[in-house]
Amino acid sequence: MIYYLGLGSNLGRRPANLARARRLLERGDVEVLAASSVYETEPVDYADQPWFLNQVLKVRSQLDPPELLRLAQAVEAEMKRRPTVAKGPRTIDIDILFAGDLVLETPGLVIPHPRLQLRNFVLVPLKEIAPRLRHPVFGKTVAELVLSAGDPGRVKKRIGPRSLRSGP
């Protein structure tokens, strides 16, 4: 199945955190097909924290969505993500944004991600690699969602997609 994953980090060595998360995902039966540039983004909801680096990955995996969520949580744990305040600082955050055209709502997992259409920090990098991807609930493309997000949060390209490639 094709997935889109959102990665974010605002603690420690942020570029290295994104690269390490990608490598750990690849070791867990996830093939990275495309990676957006890395964007520096203003915190949303909880403003009193460092700015984030965010990136979106297009991946292929045989894992089903709950298995991929468990892998993402295991990567976060290995990278020492510690619970703080809600929406607070973190070494790494991995979100499943889309899983093909699947619509899923369970107590532990909602796909598509329930707030992605409101968040520039995910829409801008997603538009870079999948502008015509259509949201299965709203029927709009990612390019259309960027125009209607209404998110005042600042997003600026920091690192091109080739800069964080995993090893050979």
C-alpha atoms as a PDB file:
ATOM      1  CA  MET A   1       0.000   0.000   0.000  1.00  0.00           C
ATOM      2  CA  ILE A   2       1.114   3.563  -0.639  1.00  0.00           C
ATOM      3  CA  TYR A   3       1.245   5.802   2.428  1.00  0.00           C
ATOM      4  CA  TYR A   4       2.153   9.406   3.053  1.00  0.00           C
ATOM      5  CA  LEU A   5       3.893  10.068   6.361  1.00  0.00           C
ATOM      6  CA  GLY A   6       4.530  13.374   8.082  1.00  0.00           C
ATOM      7  CA  LEU A   7       7.747  13.706  10.095  1.00  0.00           C
ATOM      8  CA  GLY A   8       8.513  16.529  12.514  1.00  0.00           C
ATOM      9  CA  SER A   9      11.257  17.387  14.998  1.00  0.00           C
ATOM     10  CA  ASN A  10      11.965  20.421  17.147  1.00  0.00           C
ATOM     11  CA  LEU A  11      14.418  19.096  19.745  1.00  0.00           C
ATOM     12  CA  GLY A  12      18.051  18.110  19.414  1.00  0.00           C
ATOM     13  CA  ARG A  13      19.713  17.784  16.033  1.00  0.00           C
ATOM     14  CA  ARG A  14      16.557  18.225  13.977  1.00  0.00           C
ATOM     15  CA  PRO A  15      17.912  17.328  10.496  1.00  0.00           C
ATOM     16  CA  ALA A  16      19.643  14.252  11.915  1.00  0.00           C
ATOM     17  CA  ASN A  17      16.441  13.253  13.718  1.00  0.00           C
ATOM     18  CA  LEU A  18      14.482  13.291  10.453  1.00  0.00           C
ATOM     19  CA  ALA A  19      17.177  11.278   8.676  1.00  0.00           C
ATOM     20  CA  ARG A  20      17.367   8.726  11.491  1.00  0.00           C
ATOM     21  CA  ALA A  21      13.586   8.298  11.593  1.00  0.00           C
ATOM     22  CA  ARG A  22      13.606   7.614   7.874  1.00  0.00           C
ATOM     23  CA  ARG A  23      16.367   4.989   8.218  1.00  0.00           C
ATOM     24  CA  LEU A  24      14.514   3.277  11.070  1.00  0.00           C
ATOM     25  CA  LEU A  25      11.277   3.214   9.074  1.00  0.00           C
ATOM     26  CA  GLU A  26      13.143   1.663   6.132  1.00  0.00           C
ATOM     27  CA  ARG A  27      14.432  -1.098   8.405  1.00  0.00           C
ATOM     28  CA  GLY A  28      10.829  -1.841   9.367  1.00  0.00           C
ATOM     29  CA  ASP A  29       9.518  -2.890   5.931  1.00  0.00           C
ATOM     30  CA  VAL A  30       8.909   0.630   4.602  1.00  0.00           C
ATOM     31  CA  GLU A  31      10.293   1.646   1.199  1.00  0.00           C
ATOM     32  CA  VAL A  32      10.683   5.394   0.742  1.00  0.00           C
ATOM     33  CA  LEU A  33       9.535   6.336  -2.765  1.00  0.00           C
ATOM     34  CA  ALA A  34       9.765  10.129  -2.462  1.00  0.00           C
ATOM     35  CA  ALA A  35      10.754  12.697   0.137  1.00  0.00           C
ATOM     36  CA  SER A  36       9.822  16.351   0.246  1.00  0.00           C
ATOM     37  CA  SER A  37      12.259  19.075   1.065  1.00  0.00           C
ATOM     38  CA  VAL A  38      12.634  19.851   4.750  1.00  0.00           C
ATOM     39  CA  TYR A  39      10.708  22.889   5.912  1.00  0.00           C
ATOM     40  CA  GLU A  40      11.203  24.986   9.013  1.00  0.00           C
ATOM     41  CA  THR A  41       7.782  25.637  10.491  1.00  0.00           C
ATOM     42  CA  GLU A  42       6.251  27.724  13.197  1.00  0.00           C
ATOM     43  CA  PRO A  43       4.726  25.757  16.096  1.00  0.00           C
ATOM     44  CA  VAL A  44       0.940  25.407  16.007  1.00  0.00           C
ATOM     45  CA  ASP A  45      -1.397  25.174  19.032  1.00  0.00           C
ATOM     46  CA  TYR A  46       1.436  25.351  21.602  1.00  0.00           C
ATOM     47  CA  ALA A  47       3.572  28.319  20.553  1.00  0.00           C
ATOM     48  CA  ASP A  48       6.104  28.414  23.425  1.00  0.00           C
ATOM     49  CA  GLN A  49       8.573  25.961  21.903  1.00  0.00           C
ATOM     50  CA  PRO A  50      11.288  25.846  19.222  1.00  0.00           C
ATOM     51  CA  TRP A  51      10.326  25.850  15.552  1.00  0.00           C
ATOM     52  CA  PHE A  52       9.980  22.453  13.858  1.00  0.00           C
ATOM     53  CA  LEU A  53      11.608  20.849  10.888  1.00  0.00           C
ATOM     54  CA  ASN A  54       8.958  18.967   8.908  1.00  0.00           C
ATOM     55  CA  GLN A  55       9.138  16.599   5.965  1.00  0.00           C
ATOM     56  CA  VAL A  56       6.658  14.352   4.154  1.00  0.00           C
ATOM     57  CA  LEU A  57       7.530  10.910   2.808  1.00  0.00           C
ATOM     58  CA  LYS A  58       5.711   8.863   0.197  1.00  0.00           C
ATOM     59  CA  VAL A  59       6.295   5.227   1.132  1.00  0.00           C
ATOM     60  CA  ARG A  60       5.245   1.726   0.132  1.00  0.00           C
ATOM     61  CA  SER A  61       4.741  -1.003   2.705  1.00  0.00           C
ATOM     62  CA  GLN A  62       3.026  -4.338   3.102  1.00  0.00           C
ATOM     63  CA  LEU A  63       2.174  -3.326   6.667  1.00  0.00           C
ATOM     64  CA  ASP A  64      -1.471  -2.568   7.307  1.00  0.00           C
ATOM     65  CA  PRO A  65      -2.274   0.805   8.917  1.00  0.00           C
ATOM     66  CA  PRO A  66      -2.295  -0.432  12.552  1.00  0.00           C
ATOM     67  CA  GLU A  67       1.036  -2.225  11.969  1.00  0.00           C
ATOM     68  CA  LEU A  68       2.525   0.901  10.401  1.00  0.00           C
ATOM     69  CA  LEU A  69       1.302   2.952  13.366  1.00  0.00           C
ATOM     70  CA  ARG A  70       3.013   0.501  15.743  1.00  0.00           C
ATOM     71  CA  LEU A  71       6.229   0.815  13.713  1.00  0.00           C
ATOM     72  CA  ALA A  72       6.020   4.621  13.818  1.00  0.00           C
ATOM     73  CA  GLN A  73       5.480   4.540  17.575  1.00  0.00           C
ATOM     74  CA  ALA A  74       8.417   2.137  17.998  1.00  0.00           C
ATOM     75  CA  VAL A  75      10.642   4.514  16.001  1.00  0.00           C
ATOM     76  CA  GLU A  76       9.482   7.425  18.174  1.00  0.00           C
ATOM     77  CA  ALA A  77      10.254   5.404  21.315  1.00  0.00           C
ATOM     78  CA  GLU A  78      13.687   4.380  20.019  1.00  0.00           C
ATOM     79  CA  MET A  79      14.422   8.028  19.322  1.00  0.00           C
ATOM     80  CA  LYS A  80      13.493   8.837  22.918  1.00  0.00           C
ATOM     81  CA  ARG A  81      10.349  10.822  22.260  1.00  0.00           C
ATOM     82  CA  ARG A  82       9.043  11.691  25.705  1.00  0.00           C
ATOM     83  CA  PRO A  83       5.502  12.828  26.405  1.00  0.00           C
ATOM     84  CA  THR A  84       5.375  16.476  27.443  1.00  0.00           C
ATOM     85  CA  VAL A  85       2.505  18.901  27.039  1.00  0.00           C
ATOM     86  CA  ALA A  86       0.026  18.178  24.238  1.00  0.00           C
ATOM     87  CA  LYS A  87       1.431  19.419  20.900  1.00  0.00           C
ATOM     88  CA  GLY A  88       4.661  20.199  22.763  1.00  0.00           C
ATOM     89  CA  PRO A  89       8.339  19.745  21.895  1.00  0.00           C
ATOM     90  CA  ARG A  90       9.562  16.398  20.582  1.00  0.00           C
ATOM     91  CA  THR A  91      12.621  14.757  19.098  1.00  0.00           C
ATOM     92  CA  ILE A  92      10.452  13.106  16.446  1.00  0.00           C
ATOM     93  CA  ASP A  93       6.810  12.848  15.510  1.00  0.00           C
ATOM     94  CA  ILE A  94       5.595  10.478  12.798  1.00  0.00           C
ATOM     95  CA  ASP A  95       2.025  10.731  11.527  1.00  0.00           C
ATOM     96  CA  ILE A  96       0.209   8.635   8.941  1.00  0.00           C
ATOM     97  CA  LEU A  97      -1.364  11.236   6.668  1.00  0.00           C
ATOM     98  CA  PHE A  98      -2.876   9.018   3.964  1.00  0.00           C
ATOM     99  CA  ALA A  99      -3.087   5.269   3.313  1.00  0.00           C
ATOM    100  CA  GLY A 100      -4.050   4.983  -0.347  1.00  0.00           C
ATOM    101  CA  ASP A 101      -7.653   6.153  -0.539  1.00  0.00           C
ATOM    102  CA  LEU A 102      -8.550   4.443   2.737  1.00  0.00           C
ATOM    103  CA  VAL A 103     -10.838   6.180   5.210  1.00  0.00           C
ATOM    104  CA  LEU A 104     -10.456   4.701   8.700  1.00  0.00           C
ATOM    105  CA  GLU A 105     -11.615   5.847  12.110  1.00  0.00           C
ATOM    106  CA  THR A 106     -10.720   3.801  15.159  1.00  0.00           C
ATOM    107  CA  PRO A 107     -10.011   4.920  18.731  1.00  0.00           C
ATOM    108  CA  GLY A 108      -6.256   4.805  18.088  1.00  0.00           C
ATOM    109  CA  LEU A 109      -5.963   5.745  14.426  1.00  0.00           C
ATOM    110  CA  VAL A 110      -7.753   8.089  12.035  1.00  0.00           C
ATOM    111  CA  ILE A 111      -6.856   8.108   8.326  1.00  0.00           C
ATOM    112  CA  PRO A 112      -6.642  10.518   6.591  1.00  0.00           C
ATOM    113  CA  HIS A 113      -5.028  12.435   9.424  1.00  0.00           C
ATOM    114  CA  PRO A 114      -7.894  14.455  10.920  1.00  0.00           C
ATOM    115  CA  ARG A 115      -6.274  17.917  10.817  1.00  0.00           C
ATOM    116  CA  LEU A 116      -3.964  17.751   7.819  1.00  0.00           C
ATOM    117  CA  GLN A 117      -6.255  19.950   5.718  1.00  0.00           C
ATOM    118  CA  LEU A 118      -5.747  22.758   8.250  1.00  0.00           C
ATOM    119  CA  ARG A 119      -1.968  22.601   8.631  1.00  0.00           C
ATOM    120  CA  ASN A 120       0.527  24.326   6.342  1.00  0.00           C
ATOM    121  CA  PHE A 121       3.407  22.451   7.991  1.00  0.00           C
ATOM    122  CA  VAL A 122       2.123  19.238   6.422  1.00  0.00           C
ATOM    123  CA  LEU A 123       0.301  20.546   3.334  1.00  0.00           C
ATOM    124  CA  VAL A 124       3.230  22.530   1.909  1.00  0.00           C
ATOM    125  CA  PRO A 125       5.710  19.609   1.923  1.00  0.00           C
ATOM    126  CA  LEU A 126       2.951  17.218   0.790  1.00  0.00           C
ATOM    127  CA  LYS A 127       2.124  19.503  -2.143  1.00  0.00           C
ATOM    128  CA  GLU A 128       5.769  19.331  -3.221  1.00  0.00           C
ATOM    129  CA  ILE A 129       5.615  15.567  -3.792  1.00  0.00           C
ATOM    130  CA  ALA A 130       1.881  14.937  -4.386  1.00  0.00           C
ATOM    131  CA  PRO A 131       0.013  18.067  -5.530  1.00  0.00           C
ATOM    132  CA  ARG A 132      -2.696  16.058  -7.311  1.00  0.00           C
ATOM    133  CA  LEU A 133      -3.268  13.594  -4.475  1.00  0.00           C
ATOM    134  CA  ARG A 134      -6.979  13.778  -3.680  1.00  0.00           C
ATOM    135  CA  HIS A 135      -8.285  13.767  -0.117  1.00  0.00           C
ATOM    136  CA  PRO A 136     -10.770  10.843   0.004  1.00  0.00           C
ATOM    137  CA  VAL A 137     -13.154  12.663   2.363  1.00  0.00           C
ATOM    138  CA  PHE A 138     -13.092  16.254   1.080  1.00  0.00           C
ATOM    139  CA  GLY A 139     -12.530  15.419  -2.590  1.00  0.00           C
ATOM    140  CA  LYS A 140      -9.959  18.210  -2.990  1.00  0.00           C
ATOM    141  CA  THR A 141      -6.403  17.820  -4.207  1.00  0.00           C
ATOM    142  CA  VAL A 142      -3.526  18.689  -1.909  1.00  0.00           C
ATOM    143  CA  ALA A 143      -2.859  21.759  -4.078  1.00  0.00           C
ATOM    144  CA  GLU A 144      -6.462  22.878  -3.494  1.00  0.00           C
ATOM    145  CA  LEU A 145      -6.222  22.179   0.237  1.00  0.00           C
ATOM    146  CA  VAL A 146      -3.135  24.410   0.523  1.00  0.00           C
ATOM    147  CA  LEU A 147      -5.175  27.303  -0.878  1.00  0.00           C
ATOM    148  CA  SER A 148      -8.046  26.763   1.562  1.00  0.00           C
ATOM    149  CA  ALA A 149      -6.134  25.836   4.749  1.00  0.00           C
ATOM    150  CA  GLY A 150      -6.344  29.263   6.353  1.00  0.00           C
ATOM    151  CA  ASP A 151      -3.322  28.429   8.528  1.00  0.00           C
ATOM    152  CA  PRO A 152      -1.280  31.563   9.343  1.00  0.00           C
ATOM    153  CA  GLY A 153       1.722  29.452  10.462  1.00  0.00           C
ATOM    154  CA  ARG A 154       4.941  30.282   8.636  1.00  0.00           C
ATOM    155  CA  VAL A 155       6.591  27.560   6.549  1.00  0.00           C
ATOM    156  CA  LYS A 156       9.917  28.030   4.792  1.00  0.00           C
ATOM    157  CA  LYS A 157      11.988  25.576   2.779  1.00  0.00           C
ATOM    158  CA  ARG A 158      15.213  24.811   4.553  1.00  0.00           C
ATOM    159  CA  ILE A 159      16.813  21.718   3.000  1.00  0.00           C
ATOM    160  CA  GLY A 160      16.216  20.154  -0.427  1.00  0.00           C
ATOM    161  CA  PRO A 161      14.991  16.560  -0.606  1.00  0.00           C
ATOM    162  CA  ARG A 162      18.356  15.068  -1.600  1.00  0.00           C
ATOM    163  CA  SER A 163      20.104  16.402   1.502  1.00  0.00           C
ATOM    164  CA  LEU A 164      18.564  13.830   3.838  1.00  0.00           C
ATOM    165  CA  ARG A 165      18.830  10.705   1.737  1.00  0.00           C
ATOM    166  CA  SER A 166      19.522   7.566   3.699  1.00  0.00           C
ATOM    167  CA  GLY A 167      22.687   5.644   3.063  1.00  0.00           C
ATOM    168  CA  PRO A 168      23.388   3.676  -0.125  1.00  0.00           C
END
